Protein backbone atom coordinates (compact mmCIF):
# COMPACT_ATOMS: atom_id res chain seq x y z
CA TYR A 1 71.35 32.25 47.13
CA VAL A 2 67.79 32.73 48.19
CA ASN A 3 68.75 35.64 50.44
CA ASN A 4 70.90 37.67 48.06
CA PRO A 5 68.17 40.35 47.71
CA ASN A 6 68.19 40.71 51.51
CA ALA A 7 71.95 41.15 51.56
CA GLY A 8 71.67 43.93 48.99
CA MET A 9 68.83 45.58 50.85
CA ASN A 10 70.45 45.41 54.28
CA GLY A 11 74.08 45.93 53.24
CA GLU A 12 77.09 44.09 54.57
CA PRO A 13 77.61 43.66 58.31
CA SER A 14 80.34 45.74 59.92
CA ALA A 15 83.67 44.23 60.93
CA GLU A 16 82.64 44.82 64.54
CA ALA A 17 79.41 42.83 64.03
CA LEU A 18 81.43 39.98 62.52
CA ALA A 19 84.00 39.84 65.33
CA PRO A 20 84.21 36.31 66.78
CA ILE A 21 82.54 35.66 70.13
CA ASN A 22 84.71 33.50 72.42
CA GLY A 23 86.65 32.49 69.31
CA VAL A 24 83.51 31.43 67.41
CA THR A 25 83.05 33.09 64.01
CA LEU A 26 79.66 33.61 62.37
CA GLU A 27 80.58 30.86 59.90
CA THR A 28 81.32 28.37 62.67
CA TYR A 29 78.21 29.39 64.61
CA THR A 30 76.09 28.88 61.50
CA ALA A 31 77.70 25.52 60.70
CA ILE A 32 76.91 24.23 64.21
CA ILE A 33 73.31 25.52 64.11
CA LYS A 34 72.83 24.06 60.63
CA GLU A 35 74.28 20.69 61.67
CA LEU A 36 72.00 20.60 64.69
CA GLY A 37 68.98 21.36 62.48
CA ALA A 38 69.92 18.51 60.17
CA ARG A 39 69.97 16.24 63.22
CA GLY A 40 66.44 17.12 64.32
CA ASN A 41 67.40 20.04 66.61
CA ASP A 42 68.30 17.55 69.34
CA GLN A 43 69.90 19.90 71.89
CA SER A 44 71.64 16.98 73.59
CA LEU A 45 73.87 16.73 70.49
CA LEU A 46 75.08 20.32 70.86
CA PRO A 47 78.23 19.62 72.91
CA GLU A 48 79.33 16.95 70.44
CA SER A 49 78.55 19.17 67.46
CA ALA A 50 80.38 22.15 68.96
CA GLN A 51 83.40 19.96 69.84
CA SER A 52 83.55 18.69 66.27
CA HIS A 53 84.10 22.33 65.25
CA GLY A 54 86.75 22.88 67.94
CA VAL A 55 84.43 24.81 70.28
CA THR A 56 84.23 24.00 74.00
CA PRO A 57 80.78 23.83 75.63
CA ALA A 58 81.52 26.98 77.67
CA ASP A 59 82.60 28.93 74.57
CA TRP A 60 79.54 27.65 72.69
CA ASP A 61 77.17 28.88 75.41
CA LYS A 62 78.62 32.39 75.22
CA ALA A 63 78.80 32.36 71.42
CA LYS A 64 75.24 31.09 70.99
CA GLU A 65 73.88 33.80 73.26
CA GLY A 66 76.04 36.53 71.71
CA TRP A 67 75.43 35.62 68.07
CA GLY A 68 71.70 35.24 68.70
CA ALA A 69 71.54 38.75 70.18
CA ARG A 70 73.69 40.29 67.41
CA ILE A 71 71.67 38.65 64.64
CA LYS A 72 68.41 39.84 66.20
CA ASP A 73 69.68 43.43 66.50
CA ASP A 74 71.52 43.78 63.16
CA ARG A 75 69.59 43.26 59.92
CA ALA A 76 72.73 43.06 57.78
CA LEU A 77 74.14 40.40 60.08
CA GLY A 78 70.81 38.55 60.03
CA SER A 79 70.90 38.53 56.23
CA LYS A 80 74.47 37.21 56.25
CA PHE A 81 73.47 34.46 58.70
CA ASN A 82 70.49 33.51 56.50
CA ALA A 83 72.69 33.38 53.41
CA LEU A 84 75.19 31.11 55.20
CA TYR A 85 72.44 28.95 56.67
CA THR A 86 70.65 28.40 53.36
CA ALA A 87 73.82 27.83 51.33
CA PRO A 88 74.23 24.24 50.14
């Protein structure tokens, strides 16, 4: 992975940082964000993309806000997100 050095430098995120938000794990959050990016970041496709991962629009709104804030505030979590996002 491109971001392995970052993971080593920033350590692993805590279990608390990885706790799902409204049932949405970091892996699911990343998969939805990645899918949206592959589809030109068309925000109108978000509900459909979230549904395809079993996430309701209301849960997605809370998860998107929560994961965004956590990733911004936690370098280890940001590194983990980057590693997931850039993985093939």
